[in-house]
N, C-alpha and C. Protein backbone atom coordinates (compact mmCIF):
# COMPACT_ATOMS: atom_id res chain seq x y z
N MET A 1 0.84 -1.13 -0.01
CA MET A 1 -0.01 0.03 0.01
C MET A 1 0.91 1.18 0.01
N ASP A 2 0.61 2.21 -0.83
CA ASP A 2 1.36 3.42 -0.92
C ASP A 2 1.01 4.32 0.28
N ALA A 3 1.94 5.14 0.71
CA ALA A 3 1.78 6.09 1.74
C ALA A 3 0.92 7.29 1.23
N THR A 4 0.00 7.75 2.06
CA THR A 4 -0.83 8.83 1.61
C THR A 4 -0.11 10.17 2.03
N VAL A 5 -0.57 11.26 1.49
CA VAL A 5 0.04 12.52 1.84
C VAL A 5 0.08 12.82 3.32
N GLU A 6 -0.92 12.35 4.02
CA GLU A 6 -0.95 12.59 5.48
C GLU A 6 0.17 11.80 6.23
N ASP A 7 0.67 10.67 5.58
CA ASP A 7 1.71 9.90 6.22
C ASP A 7 3.09 10.55 6.21
N TRP A 8 3.31 11.51 5.39
CA TRP A 8 4.58 12.13 5.13
C TRP A 8 4.91 13.32 6.14
N VAL A 9 6.14 13.29 6.80
CA VAL A 9 6.47 14.23 7.73
C VAL A 9 7.73 14.90 7.24
N ARG A 10 7.74 16.30 7.21
CA ARG A 10 8.93 17.05 6.77
C ARG A 10 9.89 16.97 7.94
N VAL A 11 11.10 16.45 7.71
CA VAL A 11 12.05 16.24 8.86
C VAL A 11 13.26 17.20 8.80
N CYS A 12 13.67 17.64 7.63
CA CYS A 12 14.81 18.62 7.63
C CYS A 12 14.91 19.16 6.18
N ALA A 13 15.81 20.15 6.16
CA ALA A 13 16.22 20.63 4.83
C ALA A 13 17.22 19.69 4.29
N VAL A 14 17.31 19.50 2.98
CA VAL A 14 18.34 18.66 2.38
C VAL A 14 19.75 19.05 2.83
N GLU A 15 19.96 20.37 2.87
CA GLU A 15 21.30 20.88 3.32
C GLU A 15 21.72 20.52 4.78
N ASP A 16 20.58 20.08 5.54
CA ASP A 16 20.94 19.71 6.94
C ASP A 16 21.67 18.38 6.96
N ILE A 17 21.65 17.63 5.86
CA ILE A 17 22.36 16.35 5.84
C ILE A 17 23.66 16.60 5.02
N PRO A 18 24.77 16.34 5.60
CA PRO A 18 26.04 16.66 4.85
C PRO A 18 26.15 15.78 3.63
N LEU A 19 26.68 16.43 2.52
CA LEU A 19 26.89 15.69 1.34
C LEU A 19 27.86 14.51 1.64
N LEU A 20 27.56 13.35 1.19
CA LEU A 20 28.32 12.08 1.49
C LEU A 20 28.28 11.78 2.98
N GLY A 21 27.30 12.20 3.70
CA GLY A 21 27.19 11.96 5.09
C GLY A 21 25.81 11.58 5.48
N SER A 22 25.52 11.73 6.86
CA SER A 22 24.19 11.26 7.30
C SER A 22 23.73 12.14 8.40
N ARG A 23 22.52 11.91 8.83
CA ARG A 23 21.90 12.60 9.90
C ARG A 23 20.94 11.54 10.55
N VAL A 24 20.84 11.56 11.88
CA VAL A 24 20.01 10.57 12.61
C VAL A 24 18.71 11.19 13.10
N LEU A 25 17.67 10.49 12.83
CA LEU A 25 16.30 10.88 13.46
C LEU A 25 16.14 9.94 14.65
N LYS A 26 15.98 10.54 15.86
CA LYS A 26 15.77 9.73 16.99
C LYS A 26 14.27 9.42 17.01
N ARG A 27 13.94 8.16 17.40
CA ARG A 27 12.51 7.80 17.37
C ARG A 27 12.09 7.26 18.73
N GLU A 28 10.97 7.63 19.21
CA GLU A 28 10.39 7.03 20.37
C GLU A 28 9.80 5.72 20.03
N GLY A 29 10.11 4.62 20.73
CA GLY A 29 9.40 3.38 20.49
C GLY A 29 9.86 2.67 19.21
N GLY A 30 11.01 2.99 18.61
CA GLY A 30 11.34 2.34 17.41
C GLY A 30 12.80 2.54 17.16
N ASP A 31 13.41 1.80 16.11
CA ASP A 31 14.78 2.10 15.73
C ASP A 31 14.93 3.53 15.22
N ASP A 32 16.16 4.07 15.55
CA ASP A 32 16.42 5.36 14.92
C ASP A 32 16.53 5.23 13.45
N ILE A 33 16.36 6.25 12.74
CA ILE A 33 16.50 6.25 11.28
C ILE A 33 17.70 7.14 10.84
N ALA A 34 18.47 6.55 9.94
CA ALA A 34 19.65 7.33 9.46
C ALA A 34 19.23 7.83 8.07
N LEU A 35 19.46 9.08 7.86
CA LEU A 35 19.23 9.70 6.48
C LEU A 35 20.65 9.86 5.87
N PHE A 36 20.72 9.39 4.60
CA PHE A 36 21.98 9.44 3.92
C PHE A 36 21.82 10.33 2.69
N ARG A 37 22.87 11.10 2.34
CA ARG A 37 22.84 11.98 1.19
C ARG A 37 24.09 11.71 0.32
N PRO A 38 23.89 10.78 -0.56
CA PRO A 38 25.15 10.46 -1.48
C PRO A 38 25.34 11.49 -2.58
N ALA A 39 24.36 12.25 -2.90
CA ALA A 39 24.45 13.27 -3.98
C ALA A 39 23.63 14.46 -3.51
N ALA A 40 23.77 15.53 -4.28
CA ALA A 40 23.14 16.87 -3.95
C ALA A 40 21.69 16.68 -3.60
N ALA A 41 20.86 16.03 -4.41
CA ALA A 41 19.40 16.01 -4.13
C ALA A 41 18.90 14.54 -4.03
N ARG A 42 19.77 13.65 -3.62
CA ARG A 42 19.34 12.27 -3.34
C ARG A 42 19.49 11.97 -1.98
N VAL A 43 18.42 11.43 -1.26
CA VAL A 43 18.43 11.05 0.13
C VAL A 43 17.83 9.68 0.30
N PHE A 44 18.34 8.79 1.14
CA PHE A 44 17.90 7.55 1.41
C PHE A 44 17.73 7.42 2.96
N ALA A 45 16.79 6.61 3.39
CA ALA A 45 16.51 6.43 4.81
C ALA A 45 16.59 4.91 5.09
N LEU A 46 17.38 4.62 6.12
CA LEU A 46 17.53 3.22 6.61
C LEU A 46 17.45 3.20 8.15
N ALA A 47 17.12 2.05 8.67
CA ALA A 47 17.22 1.91 10.17
C ALA A 47 18.72 2.13 10.47
N ASP A 48 19.01 2.74 11.58
CA ASP A 48 20.33 3.03 11.89
C ASP A 48 20.97 1.80 12.66
N ARG A 49 20.81 0.66 12.02
CA ARG A 49 21.42 -0.63 12.50
C ARG A 49 21.84 -1.49 11.44
N CYS A 50 23.09 -1.87 11.41
CA CYS A 50 23.59 -2.84 10.45
C CYS A 50 22.99 -4.19 10.73
N PRO A 51 22.69 -4.88 9.68
CA PRO A 51 22.01 -6.21 9.80
C PRO A 51 22.91 -7.26 10.35
N HIS A 52 24.17 -7.01 10.44
CA HIS A 52 25.23 -7.94 10.90
C HIS A 52 25.23 -7.95 12.42
N LYS A 53 25.66 -6.86 13.11
CA LYS A 53 25.80 -6.89 14.51
C LYS A 53 25.21 -5.60 15.14
N GLY A 54 24.36 -4.87 14.37
CA GLY A 54 23.59 -3.74 14.87
C GLY A 54 24.40 -2.45 14.93
N GLY A 55 25.54 -2.41 14.31
CA GLY A 55 26.40 -1.17 14.28
C GLY A 55 25.66 0.04 13.72
N PRO A 56 26.04 1.17 14.20
CA PRO A 56 25.39 2.40 13.75
C PRO A 56 25.73 2.84 12.29
N LEU A 57 24.90 2.56 11.34
CA LEU A 57 25.17 2.86 10.01
C LEU A 57 25.43 4.36 9.76
N SER A 58 24.88 5.14 10.55
CA SER A 58 24.95 6.65 10.41
C SER A 58 26.42 7.09 10.64
N GLN A 59 27.19 6.25 11.31
CA GLN A 59 28.59 6.59 11.60
C GLN A 59 29.47 6.00 10.52
N GLY A 60 28.96 5.37 9.50
CA GLY A 60 29.75 4.74 8.42
C GLY A 60 30.12 5.82 7.38
N ILE A 61 30.92 5.24 6.42
CA ILE A 61 31.42 6.05 5.29
C ILE A 61 30.54 5.84 4.16
N VAL A 62 30.03 6.95 3.55
CA VAL A 62 29.08 6.91 2.36
C VAL A 62 30.04 7.00 1.13
N SER A 63 29.87 6.00 0.23
CA SER A 63 30.57 6.05 -1.05
C SER A 63 29.66 5.52 -2.15
N GLY A 64 29.38 6.47 -3.09
CA GLY A 64 28.47 6.12 -4.11
C GLY A 64 27.12 5.89 -3.49
N ASP A 65 26.47 4.78 -3.75
CA ASP A 65 25.15 4.46 -3.17
C ASP A 65 25.27 3.39 -2.13
N THR A 66 26.37 3.30 -1.35
CA THR A 66 26.51 2.42 -0.28
C THR A 66 27.07 3.09 0.98
N VAL A 67 26.81 2.46 2.03
CA VAL A 67 27.44 2.97 3.37
C VAL A 67 28.21 1.79 3.91
N THR A 68 29.34 1.98 4.49
CA THR A 68 30.13 0.98 5.11
C THR A 68 29.93 1.00 6.63
N CYS A 69 29.47 -0.04 7.18
CA CYS A 69 29.30 -0.17 8.65
C CYS A 69 30.65 0.09 9.40
N PRO A 70 30.70 0.91 10.35
CA PRO A 70 31.97 1.28 11.08
C PRO A 70 32.46 0.07 11.96
N LEU A 71 31.65 -0.93 12.24
CA LEU A 71 32.04 -1.95 13.20
C LEU A 71 32.84 -3.03 12.46
N HIS A 72 32.30 -3.65 11.39
CA HIS A 72 32.93 -4.74 10.72
C HIS A 72 33.10 -4.66 9.21
N GLY A 73 32.83 -3.42 8.65
CA GLY A 73 33.08 -3.18 7.28
C GLY A 73 32.05 -3.70 6.31
N TRP A 74 30.85 -4.09 6.77
CA TRP A 74 29.83 -4.50 5.73
C TRP A 74 29.46 -3.25 4.97
N ASN A 75 29.24 -3.55 3.74
CA ASN A 75 28.74 -2.45 2.74
C ASN A 75 27.24 -2.71 2.56
N ILE A 76 26.49 -1.70 2.67
CA ILE A 76 25.01 -1.77 2.69
C ILE A 76 24.54 -0.81 1.56
N GLN A 77 23.76 -1.32 0.59
CA GLN A 77 23.12 -0.59 -0.46
C GLN A 77 22.11 0.45 0.13
N LEU A 78 22.28 1.68 -0.15
CA LEU A 78 21.34 2.73 0.37
C LEU A 78 19.96 2.65 -0.21
N ASP A 79 19.85 2.23 -1.45
CA ASP A 79 18.49 2.18 -2.07
C ASP A 79 17.70 0.99 -1.62
N SER A 80 18.28 -0.10 -1.23
CA SER A 80 17.53 -1.29 -0.93
C SER A 80 17.79 -1.78 0.49
N GLY A 81 18.86 -1.30 1.20
CA GLY A 81 19.21 -1.80 2.54
C GLY A 81 19.92 -3.14 2.52
N GLN A 82 20.07 -3.74 1.31
CA GLN A 82 20.68 -5.01 1.22
C GLN A 82 22.23 -4.97 1.41
N ALA A 83 22.77 -5.99 2.07
CA ALA A 83 24.25 -6.06 2.20
C ALA A 83 24.80 -6.48 0.93
N CYS A 84 26.01 -5.95 0.59
CA CYS A 84 26.66 -6.26 -0.71
C CYS A 84 27.40 -7.69 -0.46
N ALA A 85 27.41 -8.51 -1.53
CA ALA A 85 28.02 -9.78 -1.46
C ALA A 85 29.48 -9.59 -1.08
N PRO A 86 30.05 -10.56 -0.40
CA PRO A 86 29.49 -11.81 -0.02
C PRO A 86 28.64 -11.82 1.22
N ASP A 87 28.46 -10.69 1.88
CA ASP A 87 27.63 -10.56 3.11
C ASP A 87 26.12 -10.69 2.65
N VAL A 88 25.40 -11.16 3.68
CA VAL A 88 23.95 -11.41 3.44
C VAL A 88 23.18 -10.67 4.59
N GLY A 89 22.20 -9.92 4.31
CA GLY A 89 21.34 -9.33 5.32
C GLY A 89 20.76 -8.07 4.76
N CYS A 90 19.79 -7.50 5.56
CA CYS A 90 19.15 -6.26 5.02
C CYS A 90 18.79 -5.33 6.10
N ALA A 91 19.10 -4.08 5.96
CA ALA A 91 18.68 -3.02 6.93
C ALA A 91 17.28 -2.55 6.46
N ARG A 92 16.39 -2.31 7.42
CA ARG A 92 15.06 -1.82 7.14
C ARG A 92 15.22 -0.43 6.48
N ARG A 93 14.47 -0.28 5.34
CA ARG A 93 14.47 1.02 4.62
C ARG A 93 13.08 1.68 4.82
N TYR A 94 13.15 2.97 4.66
CA TYR A 94 11.91 3.81 4.91
C TYR A 94 11.74 4.68 3.70
N PRO A 95 10.43 4.98 3.38
CA PRO A 95 10.10 5.83 2.23
C PRO A 95 10.54 7.21 2.54
N VAL A 96 11.25 7.86 1.51
CA VAL A 96 11.80 9.16 1.69
C VAL A 96 11.60 9.86 0.39
N GLN A 97 11.39 11.19 0.45
CA GLN A 97 11.26 12.01 -0.76
C GLN A 97 11.95 13.37 -0.51
N VAL A 98 12.43 13.99 -1.58
CA VAL A 98 12.98 15.26 -1.58
C VAL A 98 12.07 16.19 -2.37
N ARG A 99 11.40 17.19 -1.66
CA ARG A 99 10.50 18.05 -2.35
C ARG A 99 10.85 19.48 -1.94
N ASP A 100 10.99 20.33 -2.99
CA ASP A 100 11.29 21.78 -2.67
C ASP A 100 12.39 21.98 -1.69
N GLY A 101 13.44 21.28 -1.79
CA GLY A 101 14.56 21.41 -0.86
C GLY A 101 14.45 20.82 0.53
N TYR A 102 13.33 20.15 0.79
CA TYR A 102 13.14 19.53 2.13
C TYR A 102 13.09 17.99 1.99
N VAL A 103 13.45 17.29 3.02
CA VAL A 103 13.34 15.84 3.07
C VAL A 103 12.05 15.48 3.84
N TRP A 104 11.27 14.66 3.14
CA TRP A 104 9.97 14.14 3.70
C TRP A 104 10.11 12.64 3.99
N LEU A 105 9.62 12.19 5.13
CA LEU A 105 9.74 10.72 5.46
C LEU A 105 8.37 10.23 5.81
N SER A 106 8.11 9.01 5.45
CA SER A 106 6.97 8.26 5.93
C SER A 106 7.55 7.27 6.95
N PRO A 107 7.40 7.41 8.30
CA PRO A 107 8.14 6.68 9.23
C PRO A 107 7.91 5.22 9.27
N GLY A 108 6.83 4.64 8.64
CA GLY A 108 6.63 3.26 8.61
C GLY A 108 7.63 2.66 7.67
N PRO A 109 8.22 1.45 7.89
CA PRO A 109 9.06 0.86 6.93
C PRO A 109 8.41 0.63 5.63
N VAL A 110 9.18 0.37 4.58
CA VAL A 110 8.56 0.26 3.30
C VAL A 110 7.55 -0.98 3.23
N ALA A 111 7.88 -2.04 3.93
CA ALA A 111 7.05 -3.22 3.86
C ALA A 111 5.68 -2.96 4.50
N ASP A 112 5.62 -2.09 5.49
CA ASP A 112 4.32 -1.96 6.14
C ASP A 112 4.04 -0.41 6.48
N VAL A 113 4.02 0.38 5.46
CA VAL A 113 3.82 1.79 5.52
C VAL A 113 2.48 2.13 6.23
N ALA A 114 1.47 1.18 5.95
CA ALA A 114 0.13 1.41 6.49
C ALA A 114 0.05 1.21 7.97
N ALA A 115 1.01 0.49 8.60
CA ALA A 115 1.04 0.27 10.05
C ALA A 115 1.26 1.60 10.81
N PRO A 116 0.73 1.80 11.96
CA PRO A 116 0.96 3.00 12.75
C PRO A 116 2.49 3.17 12.99
N PRO A 117 3.10 4.25 12.58
CA PRO A 117 4.53 4.42 12.79
C PRO A 117 4.87 4.87 14.22
N ALA A 118 6.09 4.57 14.63
CA ALA A 118 6.56 5.14 15.83
C ALA A 118 6.73 6.64 15.58
N ARG A 119 6.55 7.46 16.59
CA ARG A 119 6.56 9.00 16.45
C ARG A 119 8.00 9.44 16.19
N VAL A 120 8.23 10.24 15.20
CA VAL A 120 9.55 10.81 14.97
C VAL A 120 9.71 11.88 16.00
N ALA A 121 10.73 11.76 16.86
CA ALA A 121 10.83 12.71 18.00
C ALA A 121 11.65 13.95 17.57
N GLU A 122 12.79 13.74 17.03
CA GLU A 122 13.63 14.90 16.73
C GLU A 122 14.75 14.46 15.80
N ALA A 123 15.34 15.42 15.06
CA ALA A 123 16.44 15.16 14.27
C ALA A 123 17.63 15.60 15.03
N VAL A 124 18.73 14.80 14.93
CA VAL A 124 19.94 15.05 15.69
C VAL A 124 21.06 15.19 14.69
N ALA A 125 21.72 16.31 14.72
CA ALA A 125 22.84 16.55 13.77
C ALA A 125 24.08 15.66 14.07
């Protein structure tokens, strides 16, 4: 089911996310969400947990469309959350849009956007 307009929350300006970097959205009652900006107007959102050992993906190095987990070096695709071979696993991804210079997020994961999302509490630089 697609997210409706009411499901989207404006979380920050695109410029608030460093180019080739990330920003963390702290969530009450759920995993924190890492926003990644691999290019000027491209933003991806993943749970801030590596599927390997739960490392903070937001502290990893962004290169192209991947982020490298700082704990054990797993590379995670930003568009799908999938670990790059030979590693196997998937970080939860979230619907994200860039509109008029702002980042909009639907806090429910892609697989269950219709489920009631945990409330986005604040963005932390």
